[in-house]
Amino acid sequence: MRENKRAHRINEDIRIPEVRVLFPEGDQRVMKTGDALREARKLGLDLIEIQPNAQPPVCRIADYGKFLYELEKKEKEAKKKTKTSALKEIRFHPNTDKHDFDFKANHAEEFLRKGDKVRATVVFLGRSIVYKERGYELLQRLTQRLSNVGREEAPPKLEGKNLYVFYVPDKAKIEALEKKEAQERAAAEAALKAEAEERKKKQQELNAQRNATA
């Protein structure tokens, strides 16, 4: 079976006579490829060609596995930053009950946390337009509900029998919320671990007492 080709040439696969070497501590210098490979071996690391078209080609001394992991991590972060925002819509009626309101508000929060823009629309069917104040009140509640992840792009607008408002993500608030949630999860896990350790300790003490009286 044929082995998958690596994304980079490393170690003995680098056959050019001379390279510019980037050392782990930040130094760099041009040297013979054989000497560079020996330096990498001394450190227990790999010689990785990262800019093959440079003159001379540039190599980095690093652990190839860690190098690929960091590269993949940077690519994922770059993709997150270039993510195209989508427009999501949630629809209400002026008499939307609490259960339906909470269900749709949760979806709106999820969309905003993912970086999407949200249009919330209150639809007035038939003669329900006479209750338009209820629509404004509903959107005001929704704005308050979403204030930890987003904000209104502009005040609500009434067009015909549709009252709508756009919400955009607030990245700073979302990051703060996610950080808080991560801290709460870590604290909960630590508490569970401490509780398990305490139970284990008590069981060991109980076993010791039983053995002493046996």
Foldseek 3Di string as FASTA:
>chain_A
DDDDDDPWDKQPSPDDQKEWEQEPVGDIDIDGSVVVSVVLVVVVWMWTFDAVPDVNTYTYRHHVVVVVVVVVVVVVVVCLVVPDAEEEEDEAELPRDPVRLVVVLVVVLVSLLSFHKYKYKYAYPDPSLVVVVSVLVSVVVSQVSNVLFWHWPDRWDDDDRMIMTMIGTDVVSSVVVVVVVVVVVVVVVVVVVVVVVVVVVVVVVVVVVVVVVD
